[in-house]
Every structure is written in structure tokens, then in C-alpha cells.
Amino acid sequence: MKKTLLSFIAIFILFFSLCACSQQDLKDMASGEGDGYATIVWDDKTYVPYGALTDYGERGTQIGIVDGDKDNRVYELKGYSADEWIVIAFPHDAAMLLREIDVTDIPDGWHSEYEWNQ
């Protein structure tokens, strides 16, 4: 019984240690403002809204949070570089696809919801 309890405690400590380490790897990105729209600034990159993300399975690994708010989670977009495309997910299952402002190579079939972003 003692051996089982010790094993359980060791697994519990290991699990929470791994969770704590993964949270430390998150980048704290900053919100900003463009010409009438919100942006996300990460290092030397500025990301602008492109459109709503309706397929939540497209979100990759969480890479950051915005302005220290753990509810504003930033993810990679599966199959794309985070240098070009990211996803921000808000509480209540809303998510937005953002492109780095200098990205001009838009994948075929993608259309922005914003006229200024065409």
C-alpha cells in the first residue's frame, strides 16, 4: 500500500512539474493597434486579423498569451509557420486567424473577412 501511495505521489509531482514547465515556455505577446484594428506584436513581428477560425482542429501547439492574460491564448496554425500565421483563441470558443503583416503569399482558397486585408 505504501509503495502504491508513493508511486501515485511521484506521478502527481511529475505531472505538475511538467505542466509548470510547459507554462513557462509560453511567450507573452502584446496587443497593439493598426488602422482601426487590433494587432498582436511578438518580438519584431506584427500580426493582423485575417478571419474567424471555425475549425478548432486547425490549432496547433499553444505558443503564447496576450498581455499576460491566460484567457487570450495564442497557437500555431497547423501546417504553417508561426512566423507567418497564428491563431488567437478567446474564452467561449471564439478563435481568430492572424497573418504577419508582411505576408503576401495567401494560400489558395483563403479569403479575408476584411476588405482592407484583401
PDB file of N, CA and C in Angstrom:
ATOM      1  N   MET A   1       0.822  -1.189   0.000  1.00  0.00           N
ATOM      2  CA  MET A   1       0.000   0.000   0.000  1.00  0.00           C
ATOM      3  C   MET A   1       0.870   1.257   0.000  1.00  0.00           C
ATOM      4  N   LYS A   2       1.940   1.236   0.832  1.00  0.00           N
ATOM      5  CA  LYS A   2       2.841   2.387   0.887  1.00  0.00           C
ATOM      6  C   LYS A   2       3.518   2.606  -0.460  1.00  0.00           C
ATOM      7  N   LYS A   3       3.897   1.508  -1.110  1.00  0.00           N
ATOM      8  CA  LYS A   3       4.572   1.597  -2.392  1.00  0.00           C
ATOM      9  C   LYS A   3       3.646   2.217  -3.446  1.00  0.00           C
ATOM     10  N   THR A   4       2.380   1.830  -3.430  1.00  0.00           N
ATOM     11  CA  THR A   4       1.394   2.370  -4.368  1.00  0.00           C
ATOM     12  C   THR A   4       1.171   3.857  -4.108  1.00  0.00           C
ATOM     13  N   LEU A   5       1.083   4.232  -2.845  1.00  0.00           N
ATOM     14  CA  LEU A   5       0.878   5.630  -2.486  1.00  0.00           C
ATOM     15  C   LEU A   5       2.082   6.472  -2.897  1.00  0.00           C
ATOM     16  N   LEU A   6       3.281   5.968  -2.650  1.00  0.00           N
ATOM     17  CA  LEU A   6       4.490   6.685  -3.053  1.00  0.00           C
ATOM     18  C   LEU A   6       4.568   6.822  -4.571  1.00  0.00           C
ATOM     19  N   SER A   7       4.192   5.784  -5.304  1.00  0.00           N
ATOM     20  CA  SER A   7       4.186   5.847  -6.763  1.00  0.00           C
ATOM     21  C   SER A   7       3.186   6.892  -7.247  1.00  0.00           C
ATOM     22  N   PHE A   8       2.015   6.922  -6.636  1.00  0.00           N
ATOM     23  CA  PHE A   8       0.988   7.897  -7.005  1.00  0.00           C
ATOM     24  C   PHE A   8       1.490   9.324  -6.749  1.00  0.00           C
ATOM     25  N   ILE A   9       2.108   9.542  -5.611  1.00  0.00           N
ATOM     26  CA  ILE A   9       2.632  10.876  -5.276  1.00  0.00           C
ATOM     27  C   ILE A   9       3.732  11.288  -6.259  1.00  0.00           C
ATOM     28  N   ALA A  10       4.607  10.350  -6.607  1.00  0.00           N
ATOM     29  CA  ALA A  10       5.685  10.647  -7.553  1.00  0.00           C
ATOM     30  C   ALA A  10       5.121  11.021  -8.923  1.00  0.00           C
ATOM     31  N   ILE A  11       4.117  10.287  -9.388  1.00  0.00           N
ATOM     32  CA  ILE A  11       3.482  10.597 -10.677  1.00  0.00           C
ATOM     33  C   ILE A  11       2.790  11.953 -10.608  1.00  0.00           C
ATOM     34  N   PHE A  12       2.131  12.234  -9.518  1.00  0.00           N
ATOM     35  CA  PHE A  12       1.431  13.503  -9.315  1.00  0.00           C
ATOM     36  C   PHE A  12       2.422  14.665  -9.384  1.00  0.00           C
ATOM     37  N   ILE A  13       3.545  14.546  -8.701  1.00  0.00           N
ATOM     38  CA  ILE A  13       4.568  15.597  -8.699  1.00  0.00           C
ATOM     39  C   ILE A  13       5.159  15.758 -10.102  1.00  0.00           C
ATOM     40  N   LEU A  14       5.441  14.672 -10.782  1.00  0.00           N
ATOM     41  CA  LEU A  14       5.986  14.728 -12.128  1.00  0.00           C
ATOM     42  C   LEU A  14       5.007  15.412 -13.080  1.00  0.00           C
ATOM     43  N   PHE A  15       3.733  15.075 -12.996  1.00  0.00           N
ATOM     44  CA  PHE A  15       2.712  15.671 -13.861  1.00  0.00           C
ATOM     45  C   PHE A  15       2.655  17.179 -13.672  1.00  0.00           C
ATOM     46  N   PHE A  16       2.590  17.644 -12.447  1.00  0.00           N
ATOM     47  CA  PHE A  16       2.503  19.078 -12.191  1.00  0.00           C
ATOM     48  C   PHE A  16       3.807  19.808 -12.503  1.00  0.00           C
ATOM     49  N   SER A  17       4.920  19.127 -12.382  1.00  0.00           N
ATOM     50  CA  SER A  17       6.194  19.734 -12.772  1.00  0.00           C
ATOM     51  C   SER A  17       6.231  19.949 -14.280  1.00  0.00           C
ATOM     52  N   LEU A  18       5.749  18.972 -15.043  1.00  0.00           N
ATOM     53  CA  LEU A  18       5.704  19.113 -16.496  1.00  0.00           C
ATOM     54  C   LEU A  18       4.737  20.216 -16.910  1.00  0.00           C
ATOM     55  N   CYS A  19       3.604  20.310 -16.253  1.00  0.00           N
ATOM     56  CA  CYS A  19       2.639  21.371 -16.559  1.00  0.00           C
ATOM     57  C   CYS A  19       3.249  22.739 -16.287  1.00  0.00           C
ATOM     58  N   ALA A  20       3.938  22.863 -15.193  1.00  0.00           N
ATOM     59  CA  ALA A  20       4.552  24.146 -14.834  1.00  0.00           C
ATOM     60  C   ALA A  20       5.630  24.519 -15.845  1.00  0.00           C
ATOM     61  N   CYS A  21       6.407  23.543 -16.297  1.00  0.00           N
ATOM     62  CA  CYS A  21       7.452  23.833 -17.279  1.00  0.00           C
ATOM     63  C   CYS A  21       6.850  24.276 -18.595  1.00  0.00           C
ATOM     64  N   SER A  22       5.777  23.628 -19.045  1.00  0.00           N
ATOM     65  CA  SER A  22       5.187  23.998 -20.327  1.00  0.00           C
ATOM     66  C   SER A  22       4.585  25.393 -20.257  1.00  0.00           C
ATOM     67  N   GLN A  23       4.070  25.814 -19.116  1.00  0.00           N
ATOM     68  CA  GLN A  23       3.522  27.156 -18.983  1.00  0.00           C
ATOM     69  C   GLN A  23       4.622  28.201 -19.049  1.00  0.00           C
ATOM     70  N   GLN A  24       5.818  27.873 -18.576  1.00  0.00           N
ATOM     71  CA  GLN A  24       6.917  28.825 -18.588  1.00  0.00           C
ATOM     72  C   GLN A  24       7.418  29.087 -20.002  1.00  0.00           C
ATOM     73  N   ASP A  25       7.192  28.156 -20.931  1.00  0.00           N
ATOM     74  CA  ASP A  25       7.666  28.302 -22.298  1.00  0.00           C
ATOM     75  C   ASP A  25       6.770  29.214 -23.130  1.00  0.00           C
ATOM     76  N   LEU A  26       5.621  29.607 -22.618  1.00  0.00           N
ATOM     77  CA  LEU A  26       4.712  30.453 -23.370  1.00  0.00           C
ATOM     78  C   LEU A  26       5.274  31.863 -23.491  1.00  0.00           C
ATOM     79  N   LYS A  27       5.173  32.429 -24.676  1.00  0.00           N
ATOM     80  CA  LYS A  27       5.624  33.796 -24.922  1.00  0.00           C
ATOM     81  C   LYS A  27       4.523  34.758 -24.505  1.00  0.00           C
ATOM     82  N   ASP A  28       4.890  35.851 -23.872  1.00  0.00           N
ATOM     83  CA  ASP A  28       3.912  36.881 -23.523  1.00  0.00           C
ATOM     84  C   ASP A  28       3.937  37.908 -24.644  1.00  0.00           C
ATOM     85  N   MET A  29       2.938  37.846 -25.496  1.00  0.00           N
ATOM     86  CA  MET A  29       2.832  38.742 -26.639  1.00  0.00           C
ATOM     87  C   MET A  29       2.048  39.982 -26.217  1.00  0.00           C
ATOM     88  N   ALA A  30       2.145  41.024 -27.007  1.00  0.00           N
ATOM     89  CA  ALA A  30       1.489  42.285 -26.650  1.00  0.00           C
ATOM     90  C   ALA A  30       0.396  42.622 -27.655  1.00  0.00           C
ATOM     91  N   SER A  31      -0.663  43.239 -27.160  1.00  0.00           N
ATOM     92  CA  SER A  31      -1.686  43.737 -28.074  1.00  0.00           C
ATOM     93  C   SER A  31      -1.224  45.089 -28.598  1.00  0.00           C
ATOM     94  N   GLY A  32      -1.709  45.435 -29.757  1.00  0.00           N
ATOM     95  CA  GLY A  32      -1.385  46.712 -30.364  1.00  0.00           C
ATOM     96  C   GLY A  32      -2.571  47.191 -31.175  1.00  0.00           C
ATOM     97  N   GLU A  33      -2.377  48.256 -31.922  1.00  0.00           N
ATOM     98  CA  GLU A  33      -3.460  48.765 -32.748  1.00  0.00           C
ATOM     99  C   GLU A  33      -2.917  49.198 -34.095  1.00  0.00           C
ATOM    100  N   GLY A  34      -3.634  48.790 -35.165  1.00  0.00           N
ATOM    101  CA  GLY A  34      -3.305  49.207 -36.526  1.00  0.00           C
ATOM    102  C   GLY A  34      -4.263  50.317 -36.923  1.00  0.00           C
ATOM    103  N   ASP A  35      -4.568  50.395 -38.187  1.00  0.00           N
ATOM    104  CA  ASP A  35      -5.504  51.402 -38.691  1.00  0.00           C
ATOM    105  C   ASP A  35      -6.941  50.967 -38.423  1.00  0.00           C
ATOM    106  N   GLY A  36      -7.356  51.063 -37.175  1.00  0.00           N
ATOM    107  CA  GLY A  36      -8.724  50.702 -36.816  1.00  0.00           C
ATOM    108  C   GLY A  36      -8.927  49.230 -36.506  1.00  0.00           C
ATOM    109  N   TYR A  37      -7.870  48.483 -36.284  1.00  0.00           N
ATOM    110  CA  TYR A  37      -7.987  47.072 -35.934  1.00  0.00           C
ATOM    111  C   TYR A  37      -6.934  46.729 -34.884  1.00  0.00           C
ATOM    112  N   ALA A  38      -7.220  45.694 -34.115  1.00  0.00           N
ATOM    113  CA  ALA A  38      -6.287  45.231 -33.085  1.00  0.00           C
ATOM    114  C   ALA A  38      -5.200  44.381 -33.727  1.00  0.00           C
ATOM    115  N   THR A  39      -4.015  44.418 -33.156  1.00  0.00           N
ATOM    116  CA  THR A  39      -2.902  43.606 -33.633  1.00  0.00           C
ATOM    117  C   THR A  39      -2.296  42.842 -32.454  1.00  0.00           C
ATOM    118  N   ILE A  40      -1.453  41.891 -32.792  1.00  0.00           N
ATOM    119  CA  ILE A  40      -0.627  41.214 -31.801  1.00  0.00           C
ATOM    120  C   ILE A  40       0.818  41.426 -32.214  1.00  0.00           C
ATOM    121  N   VAL A  41       1.640  41.859 -31.279  1.00  0.00           N
ATOM    122  CA  VAL A  41       3.049  42.104 -31.539  1.00  0.00           C
ATOM    123  C   VAL A  41       3.854  41.063 -30.780  1.00  0.00           C
ATOM    124  N   TRP A  42       4.724  40.384 -31.521  1.00  0.00           N
ATOM    125  CA  TRP A  42       5.572  39.346 -30.936  1.00  0.00           C
ATOM    126  C   TRP A  42       6.979  39.568 -31.477  1.00  0.00           C
ATOM    127  N   ASP A  43       7.874  39.951 -30.607  1.00  0.00           N
ATOM    128  CA  ASP A  43       9.241  40.314 -30.985  1.00  0.00           C
ATOM    129  C   ASP A  43       9.171  41.407 -32.051  1.00  0.00           C
ATOM    130  N   ASP A  44       9.701  41.138 -33.235  1.00  0.00           N
ATOM    131  CA  ASP A  44       9.703  42.147 -34.298  1.00  0.00           C
ATOM    132  C   ASP A  44       8.585  41.935 -35.316  1.00  0.00           C
ATOM    133  N   LYS A  45       7.619  41.079 -34.986  1.00  0.00           N
ATOM    134  CA  LYS A  45       6.531  40.763 -35.912  1.00  0.00           C
ATOM    135  C   LYS A  45       5.216  41.374 -35.424  1.00  0.00           C
ATOM    136  N   THR A  46       4.403  41.829 -36.383  1.00  0.00           N
ATOM    137  CA  THR A  46       3.070  42.332 -36.079  1.00  0.00           C
ATOM    138  C   THR A  46       2.062  41.492 -36.848  1.00  0.00           C
ATOM    139  N   TYR A  47       1.082  40.962 -36.136  1.00  0.00           N
ATOM    140  CA  TYR A  47       0.057  40.111 -36.736  1.00  0.00           C
ATOM    141  C   TYR A  47      -1.257  40.871 -36.792  1.00  0.00           C
ATOM    142  N   VAL A  48      -1.941  40.769 -37.945  1.00  0.00           N
ATOM    143  CA  VAL A  48      -3.210  41.453 -38.149  1.00  0.00           C
ATOM    144  C   VAL A  48      -4.317  40.420 -38.350  1.00  0.00           C
ATOM    145  N   PRO A  49      -5.554  40.771 -38.007  1.00  0.00           N
ATOM    146  CA  PRO A  49      -6.668  39.829 -38.178  1.00  0.00           C
ATOM    147  C   PRO A  49      -6.850  39.448 -39.646  1.00  0.00           C
ATOM    148  N   TYR A  50      -7.158  38.170 -39.872  1.00  0.00           N
ATOM    149  CA  TYR A  50      -7.442  37.692 -41.221  1.00  0.00           C
ATOM    150  C   TYR A  50      -8.874  37.180 -41.319  1.00  0.00           C
ATOM    151  N   GLY A  51      -9.325  36.463 -40.306  1.00  0.00           N
ATOM    152  CA  GLY A  51     -10.692  35.949 -40.317  1.00  0.00           C
ATOM    153  C   GLY A  51     -10.928  35.006 -39.155  1.00  0.00           C
ATOM    154  N   ALA A  52     -12.186  34.675 -38.952  1.00  0.00           N
ATOM    155  CA  ALA A  52     -12.553  33.740 -37.877  1.00  0.00           C
ATOM    156  C   ALA A  52     -12.045  32.349 -38.217  1.00  0.00           C
ATOM    157  N   LEU A  53     -11.641  31.627 -37.211  1.00  0.00           N
ATOM    158  CA  LEU A  53     -11.231  30.232 -37.376  1.00  0.00           C
ATOM    159  C   LEU A  53     -12.371  29.374 -36.864  1.00  0.00           C
ATOM    160  N   THR A  54     -12.997  28.641 -37.748  1.00  0.00           N
ATOM    161  CA  THR A  54     -14.149  27.832 -37.344  1.00  0.00           C
ATOM    162  C   THR A  54     -13.781  26.377 -37.085  1.00  0.00           C
ATOM    163  N   ASP A  55     -12.670  25.915 -37.644  1.00  0.00           N
ATOM    164  CA  ASP A  55     -12.223  24.540 -37.419  1.00  0.00           C
ATOM    165  C   ASP A  55     -11.143  24.545 -36.349  1.00  0.00           C
ATOM    166  N   TYR A  56     -11.544  24.296 -35.107  1.00  0.00           N
ATOM    167  CA  TYR A  56     -10.609  24.373 -33.986  1.00  0.00           C
ATOM    168  C   TYR A  56      -9.542  23.285 -34.048  1.00  0.00           C
ATOM    169  N   GLY A  57      -9.736  22.289 -34.895  1.00  0.00           N
ATOM    170  CA  GLY A  57      -8.736  21.255 -35.086  1.00  0.00           C
ATOM    171  C   GLY A  57      -7.514  21.774 -35.826  1.00  0.00           C
ATOM    172  N   GLU A  58      -7.616  22.972 -36.408  1.00  0.00           N
ATOM    173  CA  GLU A  58      -6.501  23.580 -37.122  1.00  0.00           C
ATOM    174  C   GLU A  58      -5.492  24.227 -36.177  1.00  0.00           C
ATOM    175  N   ARG A  59      -5.903  24.411 -34.916  1.00  0.00           N
ATOM    176  CA  ARG A  59      -4.972  24.989 -33.947  1.00  0.00           C
ATOM    177  C   ARG A  59      -3.887  23.980 -33.637  1.00  0.00           C
ATOM    178  N   GLY A  60      -2.670  24.482 -33.594  1.00  0.00           N
ATOM    179  CA  GLY A  60      -1.553  23.626 -33.217  1.00  0.00           C
ATOM    180  C   GLY A  60      -1.235  23.810 -31.745  1.00  0.00           C
ATOM    181  N   THR A  61       0.033  23.803 -31.431  1.00  0.00           N
ATOM    182  CA  THR A  61       0.519  23.935 -30.072  1.00  0.00           C
ATOM    183  C   THR A  61       0.356  25.370 -29.580  1.00  0.00           C
ATOM    184  N   GLN A  62      -0.018  25.512 -28.316  1.00  0.00           N
ATOM    185  CA  GLN A  62      -0.092  26.862 -27.744  1.00  0.00           C
ATOM    186  C   GLN A  62       1.321  27.396 -27.605  1.00  0.00           C
ATOM    187  N   ILE A  63       1.523  28.640 -28.089  1.00  0.00           N
ATOM    188  CA  ILE A  63       2.857  29.237 -28.051  1.00  0.00           C
ATOM    189  C   ILE A  63       2.911  30.494 -27.199  1.00  0.00           C
ATOM    190  N   GLY A  64       1.758  31.038 -26.816  1.00  0.00           N
ATOM    191  CA  GLY A  64       1.808  32.267 -26.038  1.00  0.00           C
ATOM    192  C   GLY A  64       0.473  32.709 -25.491  1.00  0.00           C
ATOM    193  N   ILE A  65       0.527  33.854 -24.806  1.00  0.00           N
ATOM    194  CA  ILE A  65      -0.651  34.535 -24.295  1.00  0.00           C
ATOM    195  C   ILE A  65      -0.484  36.016 -24.636  1.00  0.00           C
ATOM    196  N   VAL A  66      -1.575  36.772 -24.558  1.00  0.00           N
ATOM    197  CA  VAL A  66      -1.512  38.192 -24.917  1.00  0.00           C
ATOM    198  C   VAL A  66      -1.682  39.045 -23.668  1.00  0.00           C
ATOM    199  N   ASP A  67      -0.755  39.968 -23.476  1.00  0.00           N
ATOM    200  CA  ASP A  67      -0.779  40.919 -22.362  1.00  0.00           C
ATOM    201  C   ASP A  67      -0.917  40.242 -20.996  1.00  0.00           C
ATOM    202  N   GLY A  68      -0.309  39.067 -20.856  1.00  0.00           N
ATOM    203  CA  GLY A  68      -0.335  38.360 -19.583  1.00  0.00           C
ATOM    204  C   GLY A  68      -1.667  37.713 -19.248  1.00  0.00           C
ATOM    205  N   ASP A  69      -2.649  37.778 -20.148  1.00  0.00           N
ATOM    206  CA  ASP A  69      -3.989  37.229 -19.906  1.00  0.00           C
ATOM    207  C   ASP A  69      -4.047  35.786 -20.397  1.00  0.00           C
ATOM    208  N   LYS A  70      -4.081  34.832 -19.486  1.00  0.00           N
ATOM    209  CA  LYS A  70      -4.063  33.414 -19.837  1.00  0.00           C
ATOM    210  C   LYS A  70      -5.318  32.981 -20.592  1.00  0.00           C
ATOM    211  N   ASP A  71      -6.366  33.820 -20.606  1.00  0.00           N
ATOM    212  CA  ASP A  71      -7.563  33.508 -21.379  1.00  0.00           C
ATOM    213  C   ASP A  71      -7.399  33.849 -22.858  1.00  0.00           C
ATOM    214  N   ASN A  72      -6.440  34.682 -23.203  1.00  0.00           N
ATOM    215  CA  ASN A  72      -6.163  35.039 -24.597  1.00  0.00           C
ATOM    216  C   ASN A  72      -4.962  34.230 -25.069  1.00  0.00           C
ATOM    217  N   ARG A  73      -5.246  33.007 -25.500  1.00  0.00           N
ATOM    218  CA  ARG A  73      -4.211  32.037 -25.838  1.00  0.00           C
ATOM    219  C   ARG A  73      -3.840  32.115 -27.317  1.00  0.00           C
ATOM    220  N   VAL A  74      -2.541  32.069 -27.603  1.00  0.00           N
ATOM    221  CA  VAL A  74      -2.047  32.117 -28.978  1.00  0.00           C
ATOM    222  C   VAL A  74      -1.489  30.735 -29.338  1.00  0.00           C
ATOM    223  N   TYR A  75      -1.891  30.271 -30.523  1.00  0.00           N
ATOM    224  CA  TYR A  75      -1.496  28.947 -31.005  1.00  0.00           C
ATOM    225  C   TYR A  75      -0.823  29.059 -32.365  1.00  0.00           C
ATOM    226  N   GLU A  76      -0.058  28.036 -32.696  1.00  0.00           N
ATOM    227  CA  GLU A  76       0.422  27.866 -34.061  1.00  0.00           C
ATOM    228  C   GLU A  76      -0.785  27.466 -34.907  1.00  0.00           C
ATOM    229  N   LEU A  77      -0.698  27.680 -36.199  1.00  0.00           N
ATOM    230  CA  LEU A  77      -1.691  27.155 -37.134  1.00  0.00           C
ATOM    231  C   LEU A  77      -1.066  25.915 -37.752  1.00  0.00           C
ATOM    232  N   LYS A  78      -1.729  24.779 -37.617  1.00  0.00           N
ATOM    233  CA  LYS A  78      -1.165  23.519 -38.105  1.00  0.00           C
ATOM    234  C   LYS A  78      -0.772  23.623 -39.574  1.00  0.00           C
ATOM    235  N   GLY A  79       0.459  23.202 -39.854  1.00  0.00           N
ATOM    236  CA  GLY A  79       0.950  23.166 -41.221  1.00  0.00           C
ATOM    237  C   GLY A  79       1.545  24.472 -41.715  1.00  0.00           C
ATOM    238  N   TYR A  80       1.580  25.492 -40.862  1.00  0.00           N
ATOM    239  CA  TYR A  80       2.098  26.798 -41.262  1.00  0.00           C
ATOM    240  C   TYR A  80       3.077  27.306 -40.214  1.00  0.00           C
ATOM    241  N   SER A  81       3.982  28.157 -40.656  1.00  0.00           N
ATOM    242  CA  SER A  81       4.968  28.733 -39.757  1.00  0.00           C
ATOM    243  C   SER A  81       4.326  29.816 -38.890  1.00  0.00           C
ATOM    244  N   ALA A  82       4.677  29.825 -37.605  1.00  0.00           N
ATOM    245  CA  ALA A  82       4.196  30.874 -36.699  1.00  0.00           C
ATOM    246  C   ALA A  82       4.825  32.221 -37.058  1.00  0.00           C
ATOM    247  N   ASP A  83       5.823  32.217 -37.908  1.00  0.00           N
ATOM    248  CA  ASP A  83       6.377  33.480 -38.400  1.00  0.00           C
ATOM    249  C   ASP A  83       5.408  34.165 -39.357  1.00  0.00           C
ATOM    250  N   GLU A  84       4.432  33.395 -39.898  1.00  0.00           N
ATOM    251  CA  GLU A  84       3.501  33.945 -40.879  1.00  0.00           C
ATOM    252  C   GLU A  84       2.049  33.938 -40.403  1.00  0.00           C
ATOM    253  N   TRP A  85       1.625  32.881 -39.726  1.00  0.00           N
ATOM    254  CA  TRP A  85       0.222  32.726 -39.326  1.00  0.00           C
ATOM    255  C   TRP A  85       0.138  32.262 -37.877  1.00  0.00           C
ATOM    256  N   ILE A  86      -0.779  32.835 -37.110  1.00  0.00           N
ATOM    257  CA  ILE A  86      -1.058  32.382 -35.750  1.00  0.00           C
ATOM    258  C   ILE A  86      -2.564  32.408 -35.528  1.00  0.00           C
ATOM    259  N   VAL A  87      -2.979  31.790 -34.450  1.00  0.00           N
ATOM    260  CA  VAL A  87      -4.390  31.756 -34.065  1.00  0.00           C
ATOM    261  C   VAL A  87      -4.484  32.269 -32.637  1.00  0.00           C
ATOM    262  N   ILE A  88      -5.421  33.174 -32.390  1.00  0.00           N
ATOM    263  CA  ILE A  88      -5.698  33.584 -31.021  1.00  0.00           C
ATOM    264  C   ILE A  88      -7.065  33.032 -30.654  1.00  0.00           C
ATOM    265  N   ALA A  89      -7.113  32.378 -29.501  1.00  0.00           N
ATOM    266  CA  ALA A  89      -8.366  31.806 -29.009  1.00  0.00           C
ATOM    267  C   ALA A  89      -8.772  32.544 -27.745  1.00  0.00           C
ATOM    268  N   PHE A  90     -10.009  32.975 -27.726  1.00  0.00           N
ATOM    269  CA  PHE A  90     -10.567  33.705 -26.596  1.00  0.00           C
ATOM    270  C   PHE A  90     -11.478  32.774 -25.805  1.00  0.00           C
ATOM    271  N   PRO A  91     -11.883  33.174 -24.610  1.00  0.00           N
ATOM    272  CA  PRO A  91     -12.859  32.376 -23.871  1.00  0.00           C
ATOM    273  C   PRO A  91     -14.135  32.209 -24.707  1.00  0.00           C
ATOM    274  N   HIS A  92     -14.887  31.206 -24.408  1.00  0.00           N
ATOM    275  CA  HIS A  92     -16.168  30.911 -25.077  1.00  0.00           C
ATOM    276  C   HIS A  92     -15.959  30.420 -26.508  1.00  0.00           C
ATOM    277  N   ASP A  93     -14.852  29.739 -26.776  1.00  0.00           N
ATOM    278  CA  ASP A  93     -14.593  29.064 -28.049  1.00  0.00           C
ATOM    279  C   ASP A  93     -14.609  29.961 -29.273  1.00  0.00           C
ATOM    280  N   ALA A  94     -14.173  31.178 -29.161  1.00  0.00           N
ATOM    281  CA  ALA A  94     -14.002  32.048 -30.327  1.00  0.00           C
ATOM    282  C   ALA A  94     -12.517  32.058 -30.681  1.00  0.00           C
ATOM    283  N   ALA A  95     -12.220  31.978 -31.965  1.00  0.00           N
ATOM    284  CA  ALA A  95     -10.820  31.977 -32.394  1.00  0.00           C
ATOM    285  C   ALA A  95     -10.682  32.795 -33.674  1.00  0.00           C
ATOM    286  N   MET A  96      -9.530  33.464 -33.798  1.00  0.00           N
ATOM    287  CA  MET A  96      -9.259  34.324 -34.943  1.00  0.00           C
ATOM    288  C   MET A  96      -7.914  33.945 -35.552  1.00  0.00           C
ATOM    289  N   LEU A  97      -7.898  33.861 -36.872  1.00  0.00           N
ATOM    290  CA  LEU A  97      -6.673  33.627 -37.621  1.00  0.00           C
ATOM    291  C   LEU A  97      -6.028  34.978 -37.896  1.00  0.00           C
ATOM    292  N   LEU A  98      -4.727  35.074 -37.640  1.00  0.00           N
ATOM    293  CA  LEU A  98      -3.989  36.312 -37.900  1.00  0.00           C
ATOM    294  C   LEU A  98      -2.803  36.001 -38.797  1.00  0.00           C
ATOM    295  N   ARG A  99      -2.485  36.955 -39.674  1.00  0.00           N
ATOM    296  CA  ARG A  99      -1.308  36.813 -40.530  1.00  0.00           C
ATOM    297  C   ARG A  99      -0.292  37.871 -40.136  1.00  0.00           C
ATOM    298  N   GLU A 100       0.976  37.553 -40.310  1.00  0.00           N
ATOM    299  CA  GLU A 100       2.010  38.551 -40.083  1.00  0.00           C
ATOM    300  C   GLU A 100       1.827  39.618 -41.154  1.00  0.00           C
ATOM    301  N   ILE A 101       1.924  40.859 -40.781  1.00  0.00           N
ATOM    302  CA  ILE A 101       1.541  41.968 -41.653  1.00  0.00           C
ATOM    303  C   ILE A 101       2.258  41.972 -43.006  1.00  0.00           C
ATOM    304  N   ASP A 102       3.467  41.429 -43.079  1.00  0.00           N
ATOM    305  CA  ASP A 102       4.226  41.425 -44.330  1.00  0.00           C
ATOM    306  C   ASP A 102       3.963  40.206 -45.204  1.00  0.00           C
ATOM    307  N   VAL A 103       3.147  39.271 -44.747  1.00  0.00           N
ATOM    308  CA  VAL A 103       2.853  38.068 -45.534  1.00  0.00           C
ATOM    309  C   VAL A 103       1.926  38.438 -46.692  1.00  0.00           C
ATOM    310  N   THR A 104       2.364  38.112 -47.898  1.00  0.00           N
ATOM    311  CA  THR A 104       1.544  38.382 -49.082  1.00  0.00           C
ATOM    312  C   THR A 104       1.161  37.103 -49.817  1.00  0.00           C
ATOM    313  N   ASP A 105       1.815  35.990 -49.481  1.00  0.00           N
ATOM    314  CA  ASP A 105       1.529  34.711 -50.117  1.00  0.00           C
ATOM    315  C   ASP A 105       0.394  34.028 -49.343  1.00  0.00           C
ATOM    316  N   ILE A 106      -0.835  34.245 -49.803  1.00  0.00           N
ATOM    317  CA  ILE A 106      -2.027  33.699 -49.141  1.00  0.00           C
ATOM    318  C   ILE A 106      -2.363  32.356 -49.777  1.00  0.00           C
ATOM    319  N   PRO A 107      -2.576  31.312 -48.977  1.00  0.00           N
ATOM    320  CA  PRO A 107      -2.916  30.003 -49.541  1.00  0.00           C
ATOM    321  C   PRO A 107      -4.175  30.072 -50.425  1.00  0.00           C
ATOM    322  N   ASP A 108      -4.178  29.270 -51.485  1.00  0.00           N
ATOM    323  CA  ASP A 108      -5.324  29.207 -52.398  1.00  0.00           C
ATOM    324  C   ASP A 108      -6.607  28.885 -51.636  1.00  0.00           C
ATOM    325  N   GLY A 109      -7.658  29.587 -51.976  1.00  0.00           N
ATOM    326  CA  GLY A 109      -8.965  29.334 -51.367  1.00  0.00           C
ATOM    327  C   GLY A 109      -9.217  30.110 -50.087  1.00  0.00           C
ATOM    328  N   TRP A 110      -8.221  30.803 -49.575  1.00  0.00           N
ATOM    329  CA  TRP A 110      -8.397  31.594 -48.360  1.00  0.00           C
ATOM    330  C   TRP A 110      -8.838  33.001 -48.731  1.00  0.00           C
ATOM    331  N   HIS A 111      -9.797  33.525 -47.994  1.00  0.00           N
ATOM    332  CA  HIS A 111     -10.282  34.891 -48.211  1.00  0.00           C
ATOM    333  C   HIS A 111     -10.479  35.561 -46.865  1.00  0.00           C
ATOM    334  N   SER A 112      -9.973  36.757 -46.748  1.00  0.00           N
ATOM    335  CA  SER A 112     -10.116  37.500 -45.511  1.00  0.00           C
ATOM    336  C   SER A 112     -11.519  38.042 -45.397  1.00  0.00           C
ATOM    337  N   GLU A 113     -11.985  38.178 -44.163  1.00  0.00           N
ATOM    338  CA  GLU A 113     -13.284  38.769 -43.903  1.00  0.00           C
ATOM    339  C   GLU A 113     -13.219  40.285 -43.950  1.00  0.00           C
ATOM    340  N   TYR A 114     -12.021  40.828 -44.072  1.00  0.00           N
ATOM    341  CA  TYR A 114     -11.819  42.268 -44.009  1.00  0.00           C
ATOM    342  C   TYR A 114     -11.383  42.798 -45.367  1.00  0.00           C
ATOM    343  N   GLU A 115     -12.113  43.736 -45.893  1.00  0.00           N
ATOM    344  CA  GLU A 115     -11.815  44.289 -47.215  1.00  0.00           C
ATOM    345  C   GLU A 115     -10.412  44.874 -47.275  1.00  0.00           C
ATOM    346  N   TRP A 116      -9.956  45.543 -46.211  1.00  0.00           N
ATOM    347  CA  TRP A 116      -8.629  46.136 -46.196  1.00  0.00           C
ATOM    348  C   TRP A 116      -7.530  45.097 -46.230  1.00  0.00           C
ATOM    349  N   ASN A 117      -7.894  43.844 -46.008  1.00  0.00           N
ATOM    350  CA  ASN A 117      -6.915  42.753 -45.896  1.00  0.00           C
ATOM    351  C   ASN A 117      -6.900  41.871 -47.151  1.00  0.00           C
ATOM    352  N   GLN A 118      -7.472  42.337 -48.232  1.00  0.00           N
ATOM    353  CA  GLN A 118      -7.552  41.525 -49.447  1.00  0.00           C
ATOM    354  C   GLN A 118      -6.251  41.520 -50.216  1.00  0.00           C
TER     355      GLN A 118
END
